[in-house]
Amino acid sequence: MIEVPSNRAPRQERETPDGDAAVIQEHPAEPAEGSRAEADSAGARYGDKIATVVIIAVCITVIVQSLQGGIGTLAVPESGFWPLVIAVAVIATTPLIFFTANDSEAFPLRKMARALSIAVAMVFFVVLYEYLGFLIAGALMMLYLLRVVCREPWRATLLVGLIATVVTYVLFGVLLEVNLDPFPG
């Protein structure tokens, strides 16, 4: 007879006072550690490939924008020079991700949603800044990050979000004289 492996733990029986057998414990067996490690490793390699493609796409965008903005020369660099140099250097190092994929830790794809929501919040901040000004757009972004992404209670969200926005504006807009429009128009 061929035995088929089961994902259930063996049944343990004991004899009852009237002579019948009674099951005293029956639990699903723990998954095999090897299969979990293999799945984590496969997930890490898959995540590394996705990350590499995203990094290359972002770097290509930076390169295009740098070239449109002008790069100048090494002696007289323009605004696009250093972003171009950094983007090219990052693209040059991306093959290392493929060669070290087996050494990396697993990064569940569901955690990417959190990182993507932070990136989306920053994009919305940039768009809203044009229409609402720094203080309102910054406060909205901080409130979203603290309440939705970090799941802070409302009291902490409002307190930290508003104070952080004002302190950031005072530091950069007032003390360092960065041109930040505090309000729309």
N, C-alpha and C. Protein backbone atom coordinates (compact mmCIF):
# COMPACT_ATOMS: atom_id res chain seq x y z
N MET A 1 0.84 -1.17 0.00
CA MET A 1 0.00 0.00 0.00
C MET A 1 0.89 1.24 0.00
N ILE A 2 0.53 2.25 -0.79
CA ILE A 2 1.29 3.49 -0.87
C ILE A 2 0.71 4.48 0.13
N GLU A 3 1.60 5.05 0.93
CA GLU A 3 1.15 6.05 1.90
C GLU A 3 1.21 7.43 1.26
N VAL A 4 0.13 8.17 1.41
CA VAL A 4 0.06 9.54 0.89
C VAL A 4 0.32 10.47 2.06
N PRO A 5 1.29 11.39 1.92
CA PRO A 5 1.55 12.30 3.02
C PRO A 5 0.33 13.18 3.28
N SER A 6 0.07 13.41 4.52
CA SER A 6 -1.07 14.23 4.92
C SER A 6 -0.57 15.50 5.57
N ASN A 7 -1.37 16.57 5.47
CA ASN A 7 -0.99 17.80 6.14
C ASN A 7 -1.61 17.87 7.54
N ARG A 8 -2.11 16.76 8.01
CA ARG A 8 -2.68 16.72 9.35
C ARG A 8 -1.75 15.94 10.28
N ALA A 9 -1.72 16.35 11.53
CA ALA A 9 -0.91 15.66 12.53
C ALA A 9 -1.53 14.28 12.80
N PRO A 10 -0.73 13.35 13.25
CA PRO A 10 -1.29 12.03 13.54
C PRO A 10 -2.32 12.11 14.66
N ARG A 11 -3.32 11.25 14.55
CA ARG A 11 -4.38 11.23 15.58
C ARG A 11 -3.85 10.50 16.81
N GLN A 12 -4.12 11.07 17.94
CA GLN A 12 -3.75 10.41 19.18
C GLN A 12 -5.04 9.95 19.85
N GLU A 13 -5.05 8.68 20.18
CA GLU A 13 -6.26 8.12 20.79
C GLU A 13 -5.92 7.57 22.17
N ARG A 14 -6.94 7.53 23.01
CA ARG A 14 -6.81 6.86 24.30
C ARG A 14 -8.10 6.09 24.55
N GLU A 15 -7.99 5.16 25.39
CA GLU A 15 -9.16 4.33 25.66
C GLU A 15 -10.01 5.00 26.73
N THR A 16 -11.33 5.05 26.49
CA THR A 16 -12.26 5.63 27.47
C THR A 16 -12.64 4.55 28.47
N PRO A 17 -13.25 4.94 29.59
CA PRO A 17 -13.61 3.94 30.61
C PRO A 17 -14.52 2.83 30.08
N ASP A 18 -15.32 3.11 29.06
CA ASP A 18 -16.21 2.07 28.56
C ASP A 18 -15.57 1.22 27.46
N GLY A 19 -14.26 1.43 27.19
CA GLY A 19 -13.54 0.58 26.26
C GLY A 19 -13.44 1.12 24.84
N ASP A 20 -14.08 2.26 24.54
CA ASP A 20 -14.00 2.85 23.20
C ASP A 20 -12.77 3.74 23.09
N ALA A 21 -12.35 3.94 21.86
CA ALA A 21 -11.21 4.85 21.61
C ALA A 21 -11.76 6.26 21.39
N ALA A 22 -11.10 7.24 21.96
CA ALA A 22 -11.50 8.64 21.79
C ALA A 22 -10.31 9.44 21.29
N VAL A 23 -10.56 10.34 20.34
CA VAL A 23 -9.51 11.19 19.81
C VAL A 23 -9.28 12.32 20.80
N ILE A 24 -8.05 12.47 21.24
CA ILE A 24 -7.78 13.53 22.21
C ILE A 24 -7.07 14.73 21.59
N GLN A 25 -6.47 14.56 20.41
CA GLN A 25 -5.78 15.69 19.81
C GLN A 25 -5.73 15.50 18.31
N GLU A 26 -6.09 16.54 17.58
CA GLU A 26 -5.99 16.49 16.13
C GLU A 26 -5.79 17.93 15.66
N HIS A 27 -4.60 18.25 15.20
CA HIS A 27 -4.26 19.59 14.73
C HIS A 27 -3.62 19.49 13.36
N PRO A 28 -3.80 20.53 12.54
CA PRO A 28 -3.07 20.52 11.27
C PRO A 28 -1.58 20.58 11.54
N ALA A 29 -0.84 19.86 10.75
CA ALA A 29 0.61 19.86 10.92
C ALA A 29 1.19 21.19 10.46
N GLU A 30 2.32 21.56 11.01
CA GLU A 30 3.03 22.77 10.59
C GLU A 30 3.58 22.56 9.19
N PRO A 31 3.59 23.62 8.37
CA PRO A 31 4.17 23.44 7.04
C PRO A 31 5.66 23.14 7.15
N ALA A 32 6.15 22.41 6.21
CA ALA A 32 7.56 22.06 6.22
C ALA A 32 8.41 23.30 6.08
N GLU A 33 9.48 23.39 6.87
CA GLU A 33 10.31 24.59 6.85
C GLU A 33 11.00 24.78 5.52
N GLY A 34 11.39 23.71 4.88
CA GLY A 34 12.06 23.80 3.59
C GLY A 34 11.19 24.47 2.53
N SER A 35 9.90 24.11 2.50
CA SER A 35 9.02 24.69 1.49
C SER A 35 8.82 26.18 1.74
N ARG A 36 8.76 26.59 2.98
CA ARG A 36 8.61 28.01 3.34
C ARG A 36 9.85 28.79 2.92
N ALA A 37 11.03 28.24 3.19
CA ALA A 37 12.28 28.91 2.82
C ALA A 37 12.39 29.03 1.31
N GLU A 38 11.98 27.97 0.59
CA GLU A 38 12.04 28.02 -0.86
C GLU A 38 11.09 29.08 -1.41
N ALA A 39 9.89 29.17 -0.84
CA ALA A 39 8.91 30.17 -1.28
C ALA A 39 9.42 31.58 -0.99
N ASP A 40 10.03 31.79 0.19
CA ASP A 40 10.58 33.10 0.52
C ASP A 40 11.69 33.47 -0.44
N SER A 41 12.56 32.52 -0.77
CA SER A 41 13.65 32.78 -1.68
C SER A 41 13.14 33.13 -3.07
N ALA A 42 12.14 32.40 -3.53
CA ALA A 42 11.55 32.69 -4.84
C ALA A 42 10.90 34.07 -4.83
N GLY A 43 10.23 34.40 -3.74
CA GLY A 43 9.62 35.72 -3.63
C GLY A 43 10.64 36.83 -3.63
N ALA A 44 11.79 36.58 -2.99
CA ALA A 44 12.86 37.58 -2.96
C ALA A 44 13.41 37.82 -4.35
N ARG A 45 13.64 36.74 -5.10
CA ARG A 45 14.16 36.89 -6.46
C ARG A 45 13.16 37.62 -7.34
N TYR A 46 11.89 37.30 -7.22
CA TYR A 46 10.84 37.94 -8.00
C TYR A 46 10.76 39.42 -7.64
N GLY A 47 10.80 39.71 -6.35
CA GLY A 47 10.77 41.11 -5.89
C GLY A 47 11.98 41.89 -6.35
N ASP A 48 13.15 41.24 -6.37
CA ASP A 48 14.37 41.90 -6.84
C ASP A 48 14.25 42.28 -8.30
N LYS A 49 13.66 41.41 -9.10
CA LYS A 49 13.50 41.71 -10.52
C LYS A 49 12.53 42.86 -10.73
N ILE A 50 11.45 42.88 -9.99
CA ILE A 50 10.49 43.99 -10.09
C ILE A 50 11.16 45.29 -9.66
N ALA A 51 11.89 45.25 -8.55
CA ALA A 51 12.57 46.46 -8.06
C ALA A 51 13.57 46.97 -9.09
N THR A 52 14.28 46.07 -9.74
CA THR A 52 15.27 46.47 -10.73
C THR A 52 14.59 47.18 -11.91
N VAL A 53 13.49 46.64 -12.37
CA VAL A 53 12.77 47.26 -13.49
C VAL A 53 12.26 48.64 -13.09
N VAL A 54 11.73 48.77 -11.89
CA VAL A 54 11.23 50.08 -11.42
C VAL A 54 12.38 51.07 -11.30
N ILE A 55 13.50 50.63 -10.74
CA ILE A 55 14.67 51.52 -10.60
C ILE A 55 15.16 51.99 -11.96
N ILE A 56 15.26 51.07 -12.91
CA ILE A 56 15.72 51.44 -14.25
C ILE A 56 14.74 52.43 -14.90
N ALA A 57 13.44 52.20 -14.74
CA ALA A 57 12.44 53.10 -15.32
C ALA A 57 12.55 54.51 -14.72
N VAL A 58 12.72 54.59 -13.41
CA VAL A 58 12.88 55.89 -12.77
C VAL A 58 14.15 56.57 -13.25
N CYS A 59 15.22 55.83 -13.35
CA CYS A 59 16.50 56.40 -13.80
C CYS A 59 16.42 56.89 -15.25
N ILE A 60 15.73 56.15 -16.10
CA ILE A 60 15.58 56.60 -17.49
C ILE A 60 14.79 57.91 -17.53
N THR A 61 13.77 58.01 -16.70
CA THR A 61 13.01 59.27 -16.62
C THR A 61 13.91 60.41 -16.16
N VAL A 62 14.73 60.16 -15.17
CA VAL A 62 15.66 61.18 -14.67
C VAL A 62 16.65 61.58 -15.77
N ILE A 63 17.15 60.61 -16.52
CA ILE A 63 18.10 60.90 -17.59
C ILE A 63 17.44 61.78 -18.66
N VAL A 64 16.23 61.44 -19.06
CA VAL A 64 15.52 62.24 -20.07
C VAL A 64 15.31 63.66 -19.57
N GLN A 65 14.86 63.80 -18.33
CA GLN A 65 14.64 65.13 -17.76
C GLN A 65 15.95 65.91 -17.65
N SER A 66 17.02 65.24 -17.29
CA SER A 66 18.32 65.90 -17.17
C SER A 66 18.79 66.43 -18.51
N LEU A 67 18.64 65.62 -19.54
CA LEU A 67 19.06 66.05 -20.87
C LEU A 67 18.21 67.22 -21.37
N GLN A 68 16.93 67.23 -21.04
CA GLN A 68 16.07 68.34 -21.44
C GLN A 68 16.41 69.61 -20.68
N GLY A 69 16.85 69.47 -19.44
CA GLY A 69 17.19 70.64 -18.62
C GLY A 69 18.59 71.16 -18.88
N GLY A 70 19.39 70.42 -19.59
CA GLY A 70 20.77 70.83 -19.87
C GLY A 70 21.73 70.27 -18.85
N ILE A 71 22.87 69.75 -19.33
CA ILE A 71 23.84 69.16 -18.41
C ILE A 71 25.12 69.98 -18.30
N GLY A 72 25.39 70.83 -19.28
CA GLY A 72 26.59 71.65 -19.22
C GLY A 72 27.85 70.79 -19.38
N THR A 73 28.91 71.20 -18.72
CA THR A 73 30.19 70.48 -18.76
C THR A 73 30.63 70.17 -17.34
N LEU A 74 31.71 69.41 -17.24
CA LEU A 74 32.23 69.10 -15.92
C LEU A 74 32.72 70.37 -15.22
N ALA A 75 33.30 71.29 -15.99
CA ALA A 75 33.79 72.55 -15.42
C ALA A 75 32.64 73.49 -15.05
N VAL A 76 31.59 73.49 -15.87
CA VAL A 76 30.44 74.36 -15.62
C VAL A 76 29.16 73.50 -15.75
N PRO A 77 28.85 72.75 -14.70
CA PRO A 77 27.67 71.88 -14.78
C PRO A 77 26.37 72.69 -14.70
N GLU A 78 25.38 72.23 -15.42
CA GLU A 78 24.05 72.84 -15.33
C GLU A 78 23.18 71.98 -14.43
N SER A 79 21.91 72.34 -14.32
CA SER A 79 21.02 71.69 -13.35
C SER A 79 20.82 70.20 -13.59
N GLY A 80 20.98 69.73 -14.82
CA GLY A 80 20.76 68.31 -15.09
C GLY A 80 21.99 67.44 -14.98
N PHE A 81 23.15 68.04 -14.71
CA PHE A 81 24.40 67.28 -14.72
C PHE A 81 24.43 66.19 -13.65
N TRP A 82 24.27 66.56 -12.38
CA TRP A 82 24.40 65.57 -11.31
C TRP A 82 23.27 64.55 -11.31
N PRO A 83 22.02 64.94 -11.57
CA PRO A 83 21.00 63.89 -11.69
C PRO A 83 21.33 62.87 -12.79
N LEU A 84 21.91 63.35 -13.90
CA LEU A 84 22.32 62.45 -14.98
C LEU A 84 23.41 61.50 -14.51
N VAL A 85 24.42 62.03 -13.86
CA VAL A 85 25.54 61.19 -13.38
C VAL A 85 25.03 60.14 -12.40
N ILE A 86 24.19 60.54 -11.47
CA ILE A 86 23.69 59.60 -10.47
C ILE A 86 22.80 58.54 -11.11
N ALA A 87 21.92 58.95 -12.03
CA ALA A 87 21.03 57.98 -12.69
C ALA A 87 21.83 56.95 -13.49
N VAL A 88 22.87 57.40 -14.20
CA VAL A 88 23.71 56.47 -14.96
C VAL A 88 24.44 55.52 -14.00
N ALA A 89 24.93 56.03 -12.89
CA ALA A 89 25.63 55.18 -11.91
C ALA A 89 24.68 54.15 -11.31
N VAL A 90 23.46 54.54 -11.02
CA VAL A 90 22.48 53.59 -10.47
C VAL A 90 22.16 52.51 -11.49
N ILE A 91 21.93 52.90 -12.73
CA ILE A 91 21.65 51.90 -13.77
C ILE A 91 22.84 50.95 -13.93
N ALA A 92 24.05 51.46 -13.81
CA ALA A 92 25.23 50.61 -13.95
C ALA A 92 25.31 49.56 -12.83
N THR A 93 24.75 49.85 -11.67
CA THR A 93 24.82 48.90 -10.55
C THR A 93 23.63 47.94 -10.49
N THR A 94 22.59 48.17 -11.28
CA THR A 94 21.41 47.30 -11.18
C THR A 94 21.65 45.83 -11.53
N PRO A 95 22.60 45.49 -12.41
CA PRO A 95 22.83 44.04 -12.64
C PRO A 95 23.25 43.30 -11.37
N LEU A 96 23.83 43.99 -10.42
CA LEU A 96 24.21 43.33 -9.17
C LEU A 96 23.01 42.73 -8.45
N ILE A 97 21.85 43.35 -8.62
CA ILE A 97 20.65 42.82 -7.97
C ILE A 97 20.35 41.42 -8.47
N PHE A 98 20.52 41.21 -9.78
CA PHE A 98 20.25 39.88 -10.33
C PHE A 98 21.25 38.84 -9.85
N PHE A 99 22.51 39.24 -9.71
CA PHE A 99 23.52 38.28 -9.31
C PHE A 99 23.48 37.96 -7.82
N THR A 100 22.89 38.83 -7.01
CA THR A 100 22.82 38.60 -5.56
C THR A 100 21.41 38.28 -5.10
N ALA A 101 20.52 37.92 -6.02
CA ALA A 101 19.12 37.66 -5.66
C ALA A 101 18.99 36.55 -4.64
N ASN A 102 19.83 35.54 -4.68
CA ASN A 102 19.73 34.45 -3.72
C ASN A 102 20.14 34.86 -2.32
N ASP A 103 20.92 35.91 -2.20
CA ASP A 103 21.40 36.35 -0.89
C ASP A 103 20.45 37.32 -0.21
N SER A 104 19.46 37.83 -0.92
CA SER A 104 18.61 38.86 -0.34
C SER A 104 17.48 38.23 0.47
N GLU A 105 16.96 39.03 1.38
CA GLU A 105 15.85 38.58 2.20
C GLU A 105 14.56 38.69 1.42
N ALA A 106 13.58 37.89 1.79
CA ALA A 106 12.29 37.93 1.12
C ALA A 106 11.58 39.24 1.46
N PHE A 107 10.97 39.82 0.47
CA PHE A 107 10.20 41.04 0.66
C PHE A 107 8.81 40.78 0.10
N PRO A 108 7.83 40.52 0.97
CA PRO A 108 6.51 40.19 0.47
C PRO A 108 5.95 41.34 -0.39
N LEU A 109 5.35 40.96 -1.49
CA LEU A 109 4.82 41.96 -2.41
C LEU A 109 3.72 42.80 -1.77
N ARG A 110 3.02 42.25 -0.77
CA ARG A 110 1.95 43.03 -0.13
C ARG A 110 2.51 44.24 0.60
N LYS A 111 3.79 44.18 1.01
CA LYS A 111 4.40 45.33 1.67
C LYS A 111 4.72 46.43 0.67
N MET A 112 4.78 46.08 -0.61
CA MET A 112 5.02 47.09 -1.63
C MET A 112 3.88 48.09 -1.70
N ALA A 113 2.69 47.66 -1.35
CA ALA A 113 1.53 48.55 -1.39
C ALA A 113 1.75 49.74 -0.48
N ARG A 114 2.33 49.52 0.67
CA ARG A 114 2.59 50.61 1.61
C ARG A 114 3.60 51.59 1.02
N ALA A 115 4.67 51.07 0.44
CA ALA A 115 5.68 51.92 -0.18
C ALA A 115 5.09 52.70 -1.34
N LEU A 116 4.27 52.04 -2.14
CA LEU A 116 3.65 52.72 -3.28
C LEU A 116 2.67 53.80 -2.81
N SER A 117 1.96 53.56 -1.71
CA SER A 117 1.03 54.58 -1.22
C SER A 117 1.77 55.81 -0.74
N ILE A 118 2.97 55.64 -0.20
CA ILE A 118 3.79 56.79 0.20
C ILE A 118 4.24 57.56 -1.03
N ALA A 119 4.66 56.84 -2.06
CA ALA A 119 5.08 57.51 -3.31
C ALA A 119 3.92 58.26 -3.94
N VAL A 120 2.74 57.66 -3.94
CA VAL A 120 1.56 58.32 -4.50
C VAL A 120 1.23 59.57 -3.69
N ALA A 121 1.36 59.51 -2.37
CA ALA A 121 1.11 60.68 -1.53
C ALA A 121 2.05 61.82 -1.90
N MET A 122 3.30 61.51 -2.18
CA MET A 122 4.27 62.54 -2.55
C MET A 122 3.93 63.15 -3.91
N VAL A 123 3.48 62.31 -4.83
CA VAL A 123 3.07 62.84 -6.14
C VAL A 123 1.87 63.77 -5.97
N PHE A 124 0.89 63.37 -5.17
CA PHE A 124 -0.26 64.23 -4.93
C PHE A 124 0.15 65.53 -4.25
N PHE A 125 1.13 65.46 -3.34
CA PHE A 125 1.62 66.67 -2.70
C PHE A 125 2.15 67.66 -3.74
N VAL A 126 2.95 67.16 -4.67
CA VAL A 126 3.52 68.03 -5.71
C VAL A 126 2.41 68.66 -6.54
N VAL A 127 1.41 67.88 -6.91
CA VAL A 127 0.30 68.40 -7.71
C VAL A 127 -0.52 69.40 -6.89
N LEU A 128 -0.85 69.05 -5.65
CA LEU A 128 -1.66 69.93 -4.82
C LEU A 128 -0.93 71.21 -4.42
N TYR A 129 0.39 71.15 -4.34
CA TYR A 129 1.18 72.32 -3.96
C TYR A 129 0.90 73.49 -4.91
N GLU A 130 0.77 73.20 -6.19
CA GLU A 130 0.51 74.25 -7.18
C GLU A 130 -0.82 74.95 -6.92
N TYR A 131 -1.81 74.22 -6.42
CA TYR A 131 -3.15 74.78 -6.25
C TYR A 131 -3.46 75.21 -4.82
N LEU A 132 -2.87 74.55 -3.83
CA LEU A 132 -3.23 74.81 -2.43
C LEU A 132 -2.12 75.47 -1.62
N GLY A 133 -0.92 75.53 -2.15
CA GLY A 133 0.20 76.08 -1.39
C GLY A 133 0.83 75.03 -0.50
N PHE A 134 2.00 75.39 0.06
CA PHE A 134 2.78 74.43 0.83
C PHE A 134 2.08 74.00 2.12
N LEU A 135 1.53 74.93 2.86
CA LEU A 135 0.97 74.58 4.17
C LEU A 135 -0.22 73.65 4.07
N ILE A 136 -1.13 73.91 3.16
CA ILE A 136 -2.32 73.05 3.04
C ILE A 136 -1.95 71.70 2.42
N ALA A 137 -1.18 71.73 1.32
CA ALA A 137 -0.78 70.47 0.67
C ALA A 137 0.09 69.64 1.61
N GLY A 138 1.01 70.29 2.32
CA GLY A 138 1.88 69.58 3.26
C GLY A 138 1.09 68.97 4.41
N ALA A 139 0.13 69.73 4.93
CA ALA A 139 -0.69 69.21 6.03
C ALA A 139 -1.52 68.03 5.56
N LEU A 140 -2.09 68.11 4.37
CA LEU A 140 -2.88 66.99 3.84
C LEU A 140 -2.01 65.74 3.66
N MET A 141 -0.80 65.92 3.13
CA MET A 141 0.08 64.78 2.95
C MET A 141 0.46 64.16 4.30
N MET A 142 0.81 65.00 5.26
CA MET A 142 1.18 64.48 6.58
C MET A 142 0.00 63.76 7.25
N LEU A 143 -1.20 64.32 7.12
CA LEU A 143 -2.37 63.68 7.71
C LEU A 143 -2.62 62.31 7.06
N TYR A 144 -2.48 62.24 5.75
CA TYR A 144 -2.65 60.96 5.05
C TYR A 144 -1.59 59.95 5.51
N LEU A 145 -0.33 60.38 5.52
CA LEU A 145 0.74 59.45 5.90
C LEU A 145 0.57 58.94 7.33
N LEU A 146 0.27 59.85 8.24
CA LEU A 146 0.16 59.45 9.64
C LEU A 146 -1.09 58.61 9.92
N ARG A 147 -2.23 59.01 9.35
CA ARG A 147 -3.48 58.31 9.66
C ARG A 147 -3.63 57.03 8.85
N VAL A 148 -3.43 57.09 7.54
CA VAL A 148 -3.70 55.95 6.67
C VAL A 148 -2.51 54.98 6.62
N VAL A 149 -1.32 55.52 6.37
CA VAL A 149 -0.16 54.64 6.20
C VAL A 149 0.35 54.12 7.55
N CYS A 150 0.52 55.04 8.51
CA CYS A 150 1.07 54.64 9.82
C CYS A 150 0.01 54.23 10.83
N ARG A 151 -1.26 54.50 10.53
CA ARG A 151 -2.39 54.14 11.41
C ARG A 151 -2.27 54.72 12.81
N GLU A 152 -1.87 55.99 12.87
CA GLU A 152 -1.80 56.68 14.15
C GLU A 152 -3.20 57.13 14.57
N PRO A 153 -3.43 57.30 15.87
CA PRO A 153 -4.74 57.81 16.31
C PRO A 153 -4.93 59.26 15.85
N TRP A 154 -6.18 59.70 15.78
CA TRP A 154 -6.48 61.03 15.25
C TRP A 154 -5.76 62.14 16.00
N ARG A 155 -5.71 62.03 17.31
CA ARG A 155 -5.09 63.10 18.10
C ARG A 155 -3.61 63.27 17.71
N ALA A 156 -2.87 62.17 17.67
CA ALA A 156 -1.46 62.22 17.29
C ALA A 156 -1.31 62.65 15.83
N THR A 157 -2.20 62.18 14.97
CA THR A 157 -2.15 62.54 13.55
C THR A 157 -2.28 64.04 13.37
N LEU A 158 -3.28 64.62 14.00
CA LEU A 158 -3.49 66.06 13.86
C LEU A 158 -2.35 66.86 14.49
N LEU A 159 -1.95 66.48 15.68
CA LEU A 159 -0.90 67.21 16.38
C LEU A 159 0.43 67.15 15.62
N VAL A 160 0.90 65.95 15.32
CA VAL A 160 2.19 65.78 14.65
C VAL A 160 2.12 66.31 13.22
N GLY A 161 1.05 66.01 12.50
CA GLY A 161 0.92 66.44 11.11
C GLY A 161 0.96 67.95 10.94
N LEU A 162 0.21 68.64 11.76
CA LEU A 162 0.16 70.10 11.64
C LEU A 162 1.45 70.76 12.13
N ILE A 163 1.98 70.28 13.25
CA ILE A 163 3.22 70.86 13.77
C ILE A 163 4.38 70.60 12.80
N ALA A 164 4.48 69.39 12.26
CA ALA A 164 5.56 69.07 11.32
C ALA A 164 5.48 69.94 10.07
N THR A 165 4.28 70.21 9.60
CA THR A 165 4.11 71.05 8.41
C THR A 165 4.56 72.49 8.70
N VAL A 166 4.15 73.03 9.82
CA VAL A 166 4.52 74.40 10.17
C VAL A 166 6.02 74.51 10.43
N VAL A 167 6.59 73.57 11.16
CA VAL A 167 8.02 73.60 11.45
C VAL A 167 8.83 73.48 10.15
N THR A 168 8.39 72.63 9.23
CA THR A 168 9.08 72.49 7.94
C THR A 168 9.03 73.80 7.17
N TYR A 169 7.87 74.45 7.17
CA TYR A 169 7.75 75.73 6.46
C TYR A 169 8.65 76.79 7.10
N VAL A 170 8.63 76.88 8.42
CA VAL A 170 9.46 77.88 9.11
C VAL A 170 10.94 77.62 8.82
N LEU A 171 11.36 76.36 8.89
CA LEU A 171 12.76 76.03 8.66
C LEU A 171 13.18 76.37 7.23
N PHE A 172 12.44 75.87 6.26
CA PHE A 172 12.85 76.06 4.87
C PHE A 172 12.36 77.37 4.27
N GLY A 173 11.09 77.71 4.48
CA GLY A 173 10.52 78.90 3.86
C GLY A 173 10.96 80.20 4.49
N VAL A 174 11.17 80.20 5.81
CA VAL A 174 11.52 81.44 6.51
C VAL A 174 13.02 81.51 6.78
N LEU A 175 13.56 80.55 7.51
CA LEU A 175 14.96 80.62 7.92
C LEU A 175 15.94 80.42 6.77
N LEU A 176 15.68 79.42 5.92
CA LEU A 176 16.59 79.15 4.80
C LEU A 176 16.18 79.88 3.52
N GLU A 177 15.09 80.60 3.58
CA GLU A 177 14.58 81.45 2.49
C GLU A 177 14.38 80.69 1.18
N VAL A 178 13.90 79.44 1.29
CA VAL A 178 13.52 78.69 0.10
C VAL A 178 12.17 79.24 -0.36
N ASN A 179 12.00 79.39 -1.66
CA ASN A 179 10.78 79.97 -2.19
C ASN A 179 9.63 78.97 -2.10
N LEU A 180 8.93 78.95 -0.99
CA LEU A 180 7.75 78.10 -0.79
C LEU A 180 6.54 79.00 -0.64
N ASP A 181 5.54 78.77 -1.47
CA ASP A 181 4.30 79.54 -1.35
C ASP A 181 3.47 78.91 -0.23
N PRO A 182 3.25 79.65 0.87
CA PRO A 182 2.54 79.04 1.99
C PRO A 182 1.07 78.78 1.68
N PHE A 183 0.44 79.65 0.90
CA PHE A 183 -0.97 79.51 0.55
C PHE A 183 -1.15 79.67 -0.94
N PRO A 184 -2.32 79.26 -1.45
CA PRO A 184 -2.52 79.38 -2.91
C PRO A 184 -2.57 80.82 -3.35
N GLY A 185 -2.20 81.00 -4.63
CA GLY A 185 -2.31 82.31 -5.26
C GLY A 185 -1.28 83.23 -4.84
